[in-house]
Amino acid sequence: MRALSFFISLAMAAAVYAQGPNNSGTYYQAADGKKGSALKTALFGIIGPHTTLSYDALWDCYKTTDKRSDGKVWDMYSNTTNYVFGTDQGGNYSKEGDSYNREHSMPKSWFSEASPMRTDLVHVIPADGYVNNRRSNYPFGETNGENYQSNNGFSKVGSCTYSGYSGTVFEPADEYKGDLARIYFYMATCYEDKISNWSSPMLAGNKYPAYTTWAINMLLEWAAADPVSQKETDRNNGVYSLQENRNPFVDYPGLEQYVWGSKQDMAFSYDNYNGEGSGTDPDTPDTPDTPTDPDTPTIPDTPVEGEQTYTLVTSAAQLETGYGYLIVCEDNNVAMAGSGKNIRNYASVTISNNVIKTTVNESGKPYQFILGGNSGAYTLYDTTENIYLALTANDNKLHGEESVSENSKWSITISGSNAQITNNVYSDRFINYNSSSPRFACYKSTSNQMPVAIYKNSTPSGINGIHVTEERGVDVYSMSGVLIKRSTDKESALEGLSKGIYIINHKKYVVK
């Protein structure tokens, strides 16, 4: 009896400690160890059963699932709306900004308006009525937007430019492409028993893979480029409280790779998932690390230890290369942090008398940028991710580049406490903070975004200007450790190199 009690206690302990993410407990336990299409079917058995809401109930549900930090409606189709719940719902519209309605992100005509899909809160989202109307029932895709563009070019309608389909499509903003891709992964999973009968240019007419090749490739790319945000996690928890099912592709970022992508042969582990969709297949031994090239030096990080002090920059004369800077939205008490592929995330900071004291360059903390270049062509270098802040297309994406190009050069003007950081290639776009969808990105106007300020580290970064004092025969490396020059004279070590940061004898130098 004592032994039996011991094993019961052991089993209970295992159940307690085997927990999924976001307080999901053992919700996903039945999918443990599954792969590929079998994993999708197991997830279908978990998330398929759920409470069917009424269509009218969705209005009140949105107060739980789609409320911005300012209490307004979170609209993923327009970045210029400020709708009040209830007051602005479902009315007549003649232009963007008139009213919001209930948008079937997967058009209801695809499934003949059948239940329970018609009222599934996961995919029925609040959206600007006029933009929603222009979307019609077109599939998602990528387009130049020759037929229609919402304010600021946020959403677009036009011929598809993504390989594999050329019909008319609706392209959502980059910052919500991942959200909508994960909604589509959910729909193909939650309704695995029904989706083969639905009709759309994106659908393959089967339960697996459910989507056509071009569509699944695009959705996988969208999900990777726009990772799961706190907004999605909060919405997922809100949906669960009302509809009693979850979106596993939000709870497990990268899970779609296990179902449709590069990890279909890897077993899913519901309680031992690393949060980035790269769990280890228990049947596959770990691959040993690639040996380090002996010719590649170990480059020490710029030392940033403990709390750093940053002071508000109020004049362009305070901008000095070689110093670290924070890009800050003072109105929201946040600073630019680590990157998604298309945006920069944010971290909270405390501002007191125009001074910020914080640790930097670690998870949950701001990232500092080393100022390089010169006036009118500054560079902003992230020593943690080893990239230059860059804008590589005429949209709101904020990328990083490993080497300096015209896309990673910025003009900086200071007016009072505000800094306008304008890209030199796309000179009508500059860095702002989007408070309705919290992130730093590039926009053409500040009318619907929050301005930024620059705060300067009181201590130089340790990345020097060009003052070569090493002995003869130095080696020059790029920041990524690639050998650029071997045993070159100190006088000519940096000659002929493009602007950027280089390593000589484990010291960093900026070519301006």
Protein backbone atom coordinates (compact mmCIF):
# COMPACT_ATOMS: atom_id res chain seq x y z
CA MET A 1 0.00 0.00 0.00
CA ARG A 2 2.85 2.38 0.84
CA ALA A 3 4.46 1.65 -2.54
CA LEU A 4 1.16 2.26 -4.30
CA SER A 5 0.76 5.58 -2.49
CA PHE A 6 4.27 6.51 -3.55
CA PHE A 7 3.55 5.87 -7.24
CA ILE A 8 0.24 7.74 -7.05
CA SER A 9 2.04 10.68 -5.48
CA LEU A 10 4.72 10.48 -8.15
CA ALA A 11 2.11 10.51 -10.92
CA MET A 12 0.35 13.46 -9.32
CA ALA A 13 3.63 15.33 -9.05
CA ALA A 14 4.37 14.66 -12.71
CA ALA A 15 0.96 16.03 -13.64
CA VAL A 16 1.61 19.16 -11.59
CA TYR A 17 5.00 19.89 -13.11
CA ALA A 18 4.11 18.93 -16.70
CA GLN A 19 2.52 22.19 -17.73
CA GLY A 20 2.01 23.94 -21.05
CA PRO A 21 2.62 27.64 -21.74
CA ASN A 22 0.38 30.58 -20.82
CA ASN A 23 -1.24 28.66 -17.96
CA SER A 24 -2.57 26.07 -20.40
CA GLY A 25 -1.69 23.26 -17.99
CA THR A 26 -2.19 19.84 -19.56
CA TYR A 27 -4.54 21.19 -22.26
CA TYR A 28 -2.21 20.02 -25.07
CA GLN A 29 -1.10 16.77 -23.46
CA ALA A 30 -2.91 14.56 -26.00
CA ALA A 31 -0.69 15.99 -28.78
CA ASP A 32 2.54 15.06 -27.01
CA GLY A 33 4.97 13.13 -29.21
CA LYS A 34 2.99 13.62 -32.43
CA LYS A 35 4.47 14.77 -35.75
CA GLY A 36 3.31 16.39 -38.99
CA SER A 37 -0.25 15.60 -40.07
CA ALA A 38 -0.75 13.37 -37.01
CA LEU A 39 0.10 16.34 -34.79
CA LYS A 40 -2.48 18.45 -36.60
CA THR A 41 -5.12 15.76 -36.11
CA ALA A 42 -4.26 15.48 -32.41
CA LEU A 43 -4.59 19.24 -32.03
CA PHE A 44 -7.93 19.09 -33.86
CA GLY A 45 -9.16 16.71 -31.16
CA ILE A 46 -8.10 19.22 -28.50
CA ILE A 47 -9.24 22.57 -29.90
CA GLY A 48 -12.15 21.42 -32.07
CA PRO A 49 -14.66 21.08 -29.22
CA HIS A 50 -15.53 24.58 -28.00
CA THR A 51 -18.41 26.81 -27.01
CA THR A 52 -20.28 28.21 -30.01
CA LEU A 53 -21.00 31.88 -29.46
CA SER A 54 -23.88 33.84 -30.93
CA TYR A 55 -23.09 36.39 -33.61
CA ASP A 56 -24.47 39.23 -31.46
CA ALA A 57 -22.33 38.14 -28.52
CA LEU A 58 -19.15 38.94 -30.44
CA TRP A 59 -19.59 42.69 -29.87
CA ASP A 60 -19.20 42.26 -26.11
CA CYS A 61 -16.50 39.61 -26.54
CA TYR A 62 -14.30 42.18 -28.26
CA LYS A 63 -14.14 44.17 -25.03
CA THR A 64 -12.20 41.23 -23.60
CA THR A 65 -10.18 40.16 -26.63
CA ASP A 66 -9.46 43.29 -28.64
CA LYS A 67 -9.02 46.25 -26.30
CA ARG A 68 -6.01 48.51 -26.79
CA SER A 69 -4.06 49.93 -23.86
CA ASP A 70 -6.02 53.19 -24.27
CA GLY A 71 -9.34 51.33 -24.04
CA LYS A 72 -10.17 51.70 -27.76
CA VAL A 73 -10.87 48.93 -30.29
CA TRP A 74 -7.78 47.13 -31.61
CA ASP A 75 -8.16 47.30 -35.40
CA MET A 76 -5.76 45.19 -37.48
CA TYR A 77 -6.94 46.55 -40.84
CA SER A 78 -6.42 50.27 -40.19
CA ASN A 79 -3.85 52.22 -38.17
CA THR A 80 -5.86 55.46 -38.05
CA THR A 81 -9.00 54.39 -36.19
CA ASN A 82 -9.90 55.16 -32.57
CA TYR A 83 -13.19 53.36 -32.13
CA VAL A 84 -15.16 53.31 -28.88
CA PHE A 85 -16.66 49.94 -28.01
CA GLY A 86 -20.40 49.87 -28.64
CA THR A 87 -20.66 53.49 -29.73
CA ASP A 88 -18.92 53.02 -33.09
CA GLN A 89 -19.93 49.45 -33.83
CA GLY A 90 -21.79 48.27 -36.89
CA GLY A 91 -22.94 51.63 -38.22
CA ASN A 92 -23.00 52.97 -41.75
CA TYR A 93 -19.70 53.88 -43.33
CA SER A 94 -18.62 55.81 -46.40
CA LYS A 95 -14.93 56.11 -45.61
CA GLU A 96 -12.23 54.69 -43.39
CA GLY A 97 -12.80 55.68 -39.78
CA ASP A 98 -16.62 55.76 -39.79
CA SER A 99 -17.37 52.53 -37.88
CA TYR A 100 -16.08 49.04 -37.14
CA ASN A 101 -17.72 45.71 -37.81
CA ARG A 102 -17.17 41.97 -37.38
CA GLU A 103 -14.65 40.83 -39.96
CA HIS A 104 -14.33 37.18 -40.92
CA SER A 105 -10.58 37.09 -41.52
CA MET A 106 -11.33 33.84 -43.33
CA PRO A 107 -14.26 35.02 -45.47
CA LYS A 108 -17.52 33.35 -44.49
CA SER A 109 -18.41 32.71 -48.15
CA TRP A 110 -15.55 30.18 -48.24
CA PHE A 111 -17.47 27.93 -45.82
CA SER A 112 -21.00 28.99 -46.93
CA GLU A 113 -21.55 30.96 -43.70
CA ALA A 114 -21.91 27.71 -41.77
CA SER A 115 -21.72 27.35 -38.01
CA PRO A 116 -19.63 27.24 -35.87
CA MET A 117 -17.07 28.95 -38.15
CA ARG A 118 -19.33 31.96 -38.67
CA THR A 119 -19.00 33.00 -35.02
CA ASP A 120 -15.59 31.61 -34.12
CA LEU A 121 -14.00 34.42 -32.11
CA VAL A 122 -10.48 33.36 -33.09
CA HIS A 123 -10.93 34.50 -36.68
CA VAL A 124 -13.86 36.94 -36.46
CA ILE A 125 -12.09 40.16 -35.51
CA PRO A 126 -13.14 43.80 -35.17
CA ALA A 127 -12.06 45.84 -38.19
CA ASP A 128 -12.79 49.13 -39.91
CA GLY A 129 -15.99 48.67 -41.90
CA TYR A 130 -14.85 50.48 -45.02
CA VAL A 131 -11.49 48.67 -45.26
CA ASN A 132 -13.25 45.40 -44.54
CA ASN A 133 -15.63 46.11 -47.39
CA ARG A 134 -12.74 46.79 -49.76
CA ARG A 135 -11.19 43.50 -48.67
CA SER A 136 -14.37 41.73 -49.83
CA ASN A 137 -13.75 37.96 -49.85
CA TYR A 138 -10.35 38.13 -51.51
CA PRO A 139 -7.68 35.76 -50.22
CA PHE A 140 -4.70 37.08 -48.34
CA GLY A 141 -1.62 37.72 -50.45
CA GLU A 142 1.05 40.24 -51.30
CA THR A 143 0.39 43.08 -53.73
CA ASN A 144 1.48 46.51 -54.88
CA GLY A 145 -1.98 47.74 -53.93
CA GLU A 146 -2.91 49.18 -57.30
CA ASN A 147 -6.65 48.73 -56.63
CA TYR A 148 -6.86 50.20 -53.13
CA GLN A 149 -4.72 51.22 -50.15
CA SER A 150 -5.99 52.21 -46.73
CA ASN A 151 -4.61 55.24 -44.89
CA ASN A 152 -0.78 55.25 -44.83
CA GLY A 153 -0.78 52.26 -47.18
CA PHE A 154 -1.54 50.05 -44.16
CA SER A 155 -3.74 47.52 -45.99
CA LYS A 156 -3.77 46.93 -49.75
CA VAL A 157 -5.86 45.35 -52.51
CA GLY A 158 -4.48 44.41 -55.92
CA SER A 159 -3.02 41.65 -58.07
CA CYS A 160 -1.01 39.08 -56.16
CA THR A 161 2.75 39.41 -56.54
CA TYR A 162 3.52 36.27 -54.50
CA SER A 163 4.71 33.41 -56.67
CA GLY A 164 2.01 30.82 -57.38
CA TYR A 165 -1.05 33.04 -57.59
CA SER A 166 -1.89 36.11 -59.70
CA GLY A 167 -5.50 36.90 -58.77
CA THR A 168 -6.73 39.80 -56.65
CA VAL A 169 -5.69 39.64 -53.00
CA PHE A 170 -5.85 41.61 -49.78
CA GLU A 171 -2.51 42.31 -48.08
CA PRO A 172 -2.62 43.20 -44.38
CA ALA A 173 0.05 45.31 -42.72
CA ASP A 174 3.38 43.61 -42.02
CA GLU A 175 2.88 43.93 -38.27
CA TYR A 176 -0.24 41.72 -38.38
CA LYS A 177 0.72 39.19 -41.04
CA GLY A 178 1.93 36.74 -38.43
CA ASP A 179 -1.24 37.19 -36.37
CA LEU A 180 -3.41 36.39 -39.37
CA ALA A 181 -1.22 33.50 -40.53
CA ARG A 182 -1.57 31.89 -37.11
CA ILE A 183 -5.34 32.39 -37.31
CA TYR A 184 -5.31 30.52 -40.64
CA PHE A 185 -3.23 27.71 -39.12
CA TYR A 186 -5.86 27.51 -36.38
CA MET A 187 -8.75 27.35 -38.87
CA ALA A 188 -7.15 24.51 -40.82
CA THR A 189 -6.64 22.62 -37.55
CA CYS A 190 -9.83 23.37 -35.62
CA TYR A 191 -11.97 22.47 -38.65
CA GLU A 192 -9.90 19.63 -40.05
CA ASP A 193 -13.09 17.60 -40.50
CA LYS A 194 -14.76 20.32 -42.58
CA ILE A 195 -12.14 22.30 -44.49
CA SER A 196 -11.86 19.90 -47.42
CA ASN A 197 -15.35 21.08 -48.52
CA TRP A 198 -14.55 24.80 -48.40
CA SER A 199 -13.72 26.80 -51.50
CA SER A 200 -10.98 29.43 -51.95
CA PRO A 201 -7.87 30.03 -54.08
CA MET A 202 -5.89 29.42 -50.89
CA LEU A 203 -7.46 26.04 -50.12
CA ALA A 204 -6.39 22.68 -51.52
CA GLY A 205 -9.66 20.76 -51.02
CA ASN A 206 -8.25 18.32 -48.49
CA LYS A 207 -7.76 18.14 -44.73
CA TYR A 208 -3.96 18.06 -45.02
CA PRO A 209 -2.17 20.16 -45.89
CA ALA A 210 -5.49 22.03 -46.39
CA TYR A 211 -3.80 24.99 -48.11
CA THR A 212 -2.32 25.22 -51.59
CA THR A 213 1.46 25.24 -51.89
CA TRP A 214 1.74 28.98 -52.55
CA ALA A 215 -0.57 29.78 -49.64
CA ILE A 216 1.19 27.60 -47.08
CA ASN A 217 4.59 28.91 -48.16
CA MET A 218 3.40 32.49 -47.78
CA LEU A 219 1.73 31.88 -44.42
CA LEU A 220 4.85 30.20 -43.06
CA GLU A 221 6.91 33.18 -44.17
CA TRP A 222 4.47 35.62 -42.59
CA ALA A 223 4.51 33.75 -39.30
CA ALA A 224 8.30 33.69 -39.20
CA ALA A 225 8.64 37.37 -40.10
CA ASP A 226 6.08 38.56 -37.53
CA PRO A 227 6.55 36.49 -34.36
CA VAL A 228 3.93 36.02 -31.64
CA SER A 229 3.34 39.26 -29.75
CA GLN A 230 1.96 39.94 -26.30
CA LYS A 231 -1.17 41.20 -28.04
CA GLU A 232 -1.74 37.76 -29.55
CA THR A 233 -1.07 35.98 -26.27
CA ASP A 234 -3.51 38.24 -24.43
CA ARG A 235 -6.12 37.76 -27.15
CA ASN A 236 -5.65 33.98 -27.05
CA ASN A 237 -6.22 33.96 -23.29
CA GLY A 238 -9.28 36.17 -23.74
CA VAL A 239 -10.75 33.85 -26.37
CA TYR A 240 -10.18 30.87 -24.09
CA SER A 241 -12.10 32.57 -21.28
CA LEU A 242 -15.11 33.02 -23.59
CA GLN A 243 -15.00 30.20 -26.15
CA GLU A 244 -13.06 27.60 -24.14
CA ASN A 245 -10.51 26.70 -26.76
CA ARG A 246 -7.06 28.01 -27.63
CA ASN A 247 -4.91 28.70 -30.67
CA PRO A 248 -1.91 26.36 -30.28
CA PHE A 249 0.08 28.33 -32.87
CA VAL A 250 0.05 31.29 -30.49
CA ASP A 251 0.83 29.24 -27.40
CA TYR A 252 3.72 27.50 -29.18
CA PRO A 253 5.52 29.97 -31.47
CA GLY A 254 6.83 28.14 -34.52
CA LEU A 255 4.51 25.16 -34.07
CA GLU A 256 3.41 25.52 -37.70
CA GLN A 257 6.87 24.25 -38.73
CA TYR A 258 6.07 20.95 -36.99
CA VAL A 259 2.83 20.61 -38.98
CA TRP A 260 3.67 22.07 -42.41
CA GLY A 261 7.28 23.18 -42.38
CA SER A 262 10.84 22.06 -41.86
CA LYS A 263 10.21 20.14 -38.61
CA GLN A 264 7.52 17.71 -39.67
CA ASP A 265 9.73 14.80 -38.62
CA MET A 266 10.25 16.17 -35.13
CA ALA A 267 8.06 15.14 -32.23
CA PHE A 268 6.09 17.84 -30.42
CA SER A 269 6.57 18.11 -26.65
CA TYR A 270 3.78 20.06 -25.01
CA ASP A 271 5.56 20.70 -21.69
CA ASN A 272 9.19 20.89 -22.88
CA TYR A 273 8.93 23.36 -25.72
CA ASN A 274 11.56 26.06 -26.01
CA GLY A 275 9.23 28.83 -27.11
CA GLU A 276 10.74 29.27 -30.57
CA GLY A 277 9.49 26.16 -32.30
CA SER A 278 12.82 24.37 -32.25
CA GLY A 279 12.30 21.56 -29.78
CA THR A 280 14.58 18.55 -29.99
CA ASP A 281 13.24 15.33 -31.50
CA PRO A 282 13.85 12.68 -28.81
CA ASP A 283 14.57 10.14 -31.56
CA THR A 284 17.30 12.29 -33.08
CA PRO A 285 20.64 12.72 -31.28
CA ASP A 286 21.87 16.25 -30.78
CA THR A 287 24.23 17.46 -33.49
CA PRO A 288 27.60 18.50 -32.07
CA ASP A 289 28.58 22.13 -32.40
CA THR A 290 30.56 23.06 -35.48
CA PRO A 291 34.22 23.53 -34.51
CA THR A 292 35.39 27.11 -34.41
CA ASP A 293 37.64 28.15 -37.28
CA PRO A 294 41.04 28.77 -35.66
CA ASP A 295 41.53 31.79 -37.94
CA THR A 296 38.38 33.42 -36.59
CA PRO A 297 38.96 35.35 -33.37
CA THR A 298 36.63 35.32 -30.42
CA ILE A 299 35.32 38.85 -30.39
CA PRO A 300 34.42 40.12 -26.93
CA ASP A 301 31.16 41.99 -26.62
CA THR A 302 31.25 45.67 -25.79
CA PRO A 303 31.17 45.65 -21.99
CA VAL A 304 27.88 46.90 -20.64
CA GLU A 305 27.78 45.95 -17.00
CA GLY A 306 25.18 46.92 -14.46
CA GLU A 307 23.00 49.97 -14.63
CA GLN A 308 23.77 52.55 -17.30
CA THR A 309 22.82 56.23 -17.22
CA TYR A 310 21.27 57.90 -20.26
CA THR A 311 20.42 61.59 -20.64
CA LEU A 312 17.92 63.19 -23.03
CA VAL A 313 19.45 64.62 -26.21
CA THR A 314 17.98 68.08 -26.87
CA SER A 315 20.43 69.31 -29.51
CA ALA A 316 22.10 67.79 -32.56
CA ALA A 317 25.40 69.02 -31.11
CA GLN A 318 25.07 66.30 -28.42
CA LEU A 319 25.21 63.54 -31.03
CA GLU A 320 28.67 61.95 -30.85
CA THR A 321 29.78 58.85 -32.67
CA GLY A 322 31.11 56.05 -30.51
CA TYR A 323 28.49 56.62 -27.79
CA GLY A 324 25.52 54.41 -27.03
CA TYR A 325 21.97 55.75 -27.40
CA LEU A 326 18.46 54.63 -26.49
CA ILE A 327 15.53 55.32 -28.82
CA VAL A 328 12.65 56.16 -26.50
CA CYS A 329 8.94 56.92 -26.65
CA GLU A 330 8.62 59.20 -23.64
CA ASP A 331 4.83 59.31 -23.72
CA ASN A 332 4.67 55.54 -23.18
CA ASN A 333 7.83 55.14 -21.06
CA VAL A 334 9.32 52.54 -23.41
CA ALA A 335 12.62 52.19 -25.28
CA MET A 336 13.53 50.22 -28.39
CA ALA A 337 14.59 46.67 -27.59
CA GLY A 338 15.35 43.44 -29.46
CA SER A 339 14.10 42.85 -32.97
CA GLY A 340 11.43 40.89 -34.68
CA LYS A 341 12.23 40.47 -38.35
CA ASN A 342 10.17 43.44 -39.42
CA ILE A 343 9.93 45.60 -36.29
CA ARG A 344 11.77 46.45 -33.10
CA ASN A 345 10.20 45.45 -29.83
CA TYR A 346 10.01 47.62 -26.74
CA ALA A 347 11.01 47.52 -23.08
CA SER A 348 9.70 49.65 -20.23
CA VAL A 349 11.94 52.37 -18.79
CA THR A 350 11.62 54.86 -15.96
CA ILE A 351 12.29 58.48 -16.92
CA SER A 352 13.13 60.94 -14.14
CA ASN A 353 14.17 64.53 -14.88
CA ASN A 354 15.20 63.56 -18.45
CA VAL A 355 17.40 60.73 -17.18
CA ILE A 356 17.01 56.96 -17.67
CA LYS A 357 18.92 54.48 -15.53
CA THR A 358 18.69 50.92 -16.78
CA THR A 359 20.57 47.80 -17.69
CA VAL A 360 20.61 47.21 -21.43
CA ASN A 361 21.17 44.58 -24.12
CA GLU A 362 19.46 41.70 -22.39
CA SER A 363 16.03 40.10 -22.50
CA GLY A 364 13.30 42.44 -21.31
CA LYS A 365 15.63 45.45 -21.34
CA PRO A 366 16.30 48.19 -23.90
CA TYR A 367 18.99 47.71 -26.54
CA GLN A 368 21.45 50.53 -26.98
CA PHE A 369 22.65 51.59 -30.41
CA ILE A 370 26.17 52.82 -31.14
CA LEU A 371 26.11 55.95 -33.25
CA GLY A 372 28.44 55.86 -36.25
CA GLY A 373 28.84 57.64 -39.56
CA ASN A 374 28.42 61.39 -39.64
CA SER A 375 25.76 64.09 -39.73
CA GLY A 376 23.24 63.38 -42.47
CA ALA A 377 24.39 59.76 -42.77
CA TYR A 378 24.43 58.33 -39.26
CA THR A 379 24.42 54.60 -38.57
CA LEU A 380 22.83 52.93 -35.54
CA TYR A 381 24.62 49.72 -34.62
CA ASP A 382 23.14 47.07 -32.33
CA THR A 383 26.10 45.34 -30.68
CA THR A 384 23.87 42.60 -29.25
CA GLU A 385 22.42 41.41 -32.55
CA ASN A 386 25.42 42.64 -34.59
CA ILE A 387 23.28 44.53 -37.07
CA TYR A 388 22.75 48.07 -38.28
CA LEU A 389 19.25 49.49 -38.05
CA ALA A 390 17.96 49.67 -41.63
CA LEU A 391 14.91 50.27 -43.81
CA THR A 392 15.13 48.09 -46.91
CA ALA A 393 11.72 48.75 -48.49
CA ASN A 394 9.23 51.58 -48.71
CA ASP A 395 7.00 50.32 -45.92
CA ASN A 396 6.93 50.30 -42.14
CA LYS A 397 9.35 47.43 -41.68
CA LEU A 398 12.43 48.12 -39.59
CA HIS A 399 15.16 45.67 -40.51
CA GLY A 400 18.78 45.06 -39.61
CA GLU A 401 21.76 44.75 -41.96
CA GLU A 402 25.10 43.13 -41.21
CA SER A 403 27.02 45.76 -43.17
CA VAL A 404 26.46 49.42 -43.92
CA SER A 405 24.45 50.40 -47.01
CA GLU A 406 22.45 53.45 -47.94
CA ASN A 407 19.43 51.76 -46.33
CA SER A 408 21.16 51.78 -42.95
CA LYS A 409 22.00 55.49 -43.01
CA TRP A 410 19.83 57.97 -41.17
CA SER A 411 19.44 61.72 -40.81
CA ILE A 412 18.71 62.84 -37.27
CA THR A 413 17.14 66.17 -36.37
CA ILE A 414 16.30 67.25 -32.84
CA SER A 415 13.41 69.54 -31.90
CA GLY A 416 13.00 70.01 -28.17
CA SER A 417 12.71 66.51 -26.73
CA ASN A 418 11.69 64.92 -30.04
CA ALA A 419 14.09 63.29 -32.48
CA GLN A 420 13.20 62.66 -36.11
CA ILE A 421 15.28 59.72 -37.36
CA THR A 422 14.73 59.71 -41.12
CA ASN A 423 15.95 57.01 -43.48
CA ASN A 424 18.25 58.29 -46.23
CA VAL A 425 16.81 56.07 -48.98
CA TYR A 426 13.14 56.43 -48.05
CA SER A 427 13.31 60.02 -46.89
CA ASP A 428 9.57 60.28 -46.19
CA ARG A 429 9.77 57.56 -43.53
CA PHE A 430 11.07 57.92 -40.02
CA ILE A 431 11.10 55.95 -36.79
CA ASN A 432 8.02 56.24 -34.59
CA TYR A 433 6.40 54.19 -31.85
CA ASN A 434 3.06 52.55 -32.61
CA SER A 435 1.21 52.59 -29.30
CA SER A 436 -1.90 50.82 -30.62
CA SER A 437 0.24 47.88 -31.73
CA PRO A 438 3.21 48.34 -29.41
CA ARG A 439 6.41 48.34 -31.46
CA PHE A 440 8.92 50.65 -33.10
CA ALA A 441 8.70 50.88 -36.89
CA CYS A 442 8.90 53.39 -39.77
CA TYR A 443 5.98 55.54 -40.81
CA LYS A 444 5.34 58.50 -43.08
CA SER A 445 3.49 60.58 -40.52
CA THR A 446 3.44 61.21 -36.79
CA SER A 447 -0.26 62.06 -36.84
CA ASN A 448 -1.24 58.56 -35.76
CA GLN A 449 2.01 57.41 -34.16
CA MET A 450 4.05 58.48 -31.18
CA PRO A 451 7.27 60.50 -31.63
CA VAL A 452 10.59 59.28 -30.29
CA ALA A 453 13.40 60.85 -28.31
CA ILE A 454 17.08 59.94 -28.08
CA TYR A 455 18.89 59.36 -24.78
CA LYS A 456 22.69 59.31 -24.69
CA ASN A 457 24.88 57.08 -22.53
CA SER A 458 27.14 59.15 -20.33
CA THR A 459 30.03 56.74 -20.99
CA PRO A 460 31.62 56.07 -24.41
CA SER A 461 30.90 52.60 -25.79
CA GLY A 462 34.50 51.61 -26.27
CA ILE A 463 34.08 51.45 -30.04
CA ASN A 464 36.81 53.76 -31.25
CA GLY A 465 37.19 56.05 -34.20
CA ILE A 466 39.95 55.43 -36.73
CA HIS A 467 43.15 55.75 -34.77
CA VAL A 468 45.25 52.76 -35.81
CA THR A 469 48.10 52.29 -33.31
CA GLU A 470 48.66 48.56 -33.59
CA GLU A 471 51.96 47.06 -34.63
CA ARG A 472 52.66 46.16 -38.24
CA GLY A 473 51.03 43.05 -39.61
CA VAL A 474 47.52 43.38 -38.15
CA ASP A 475 44.49 41.31 -39.20
CA VAL A 476 41.16 43.00 -39.92
CA TYR A 477 37.85 41.21 -39.27
CA SER A 478 34.24 42.15 -39.84
CA MET A 479 31.87 42.24 -36.88
CA SER A 480 30.68 38.74 -37.83
CA GLY A 481 34.24 37.39 -37.56
CA VAL A 482 35.00 37.16 -41.29
CA LEU A 483 38.66 37.83 -42.11
CA ILE A 484 38.85 40.93 -44.34
CA LYS A 485 42.62 41.57 -44.42
CA ARG A 486 45.53 39.51 -43.13
CA SER A 487 48.91 40.85 -41.94
CA THR A 488 48.33 44.28 -43.38
CA ASP A 489 50.26 47.42 -42.47
CA LYS A 490 48.74 49.40 -39.64
CA GLU A 491 48.73 52.55 -41.78
CA SER A 492 46.57 50.94 -44.44
CA ALA A 493 44.52 48.58 -42.27
CA LEU A 494 41.25 50.38 -42.85
CA GLU A 495 41.88 51.81 -46.29
CA GLY A 496 39.38 50.87 -48.97
CA LEU A 497 36.83 49.49 -46.50
CA SER A 498 33.21 50.52 -46.67
CA LYS A 499 31.73 52.38 -43.75
CA GLY A 500 31.08 50.11 -40.81
CA ILE A 501 32.60 48.52 -37.72
CA TYR A 502 35.72 46.34 -37.89
CA ILE A 503 37.82 44.37 -35.42
CA ILE A 504 41.61 44.82 -35.14
CA ASN A 505 43.40 43.03 -32.31
CA HIS A 506 40.09 42.53 -30.49
CA LYS A 507 39.31 46.25 -30.60
CA LYS A 508 36.44 47.80 -32.53
CA TYR A 509 36.94 50.61 -35.06
CA VAL A 510 34.41 52.64 -36.96
CA VAL A 511 35.09 53.53 -40.60
CA LYS A 512 33.18 56.76 -41.21
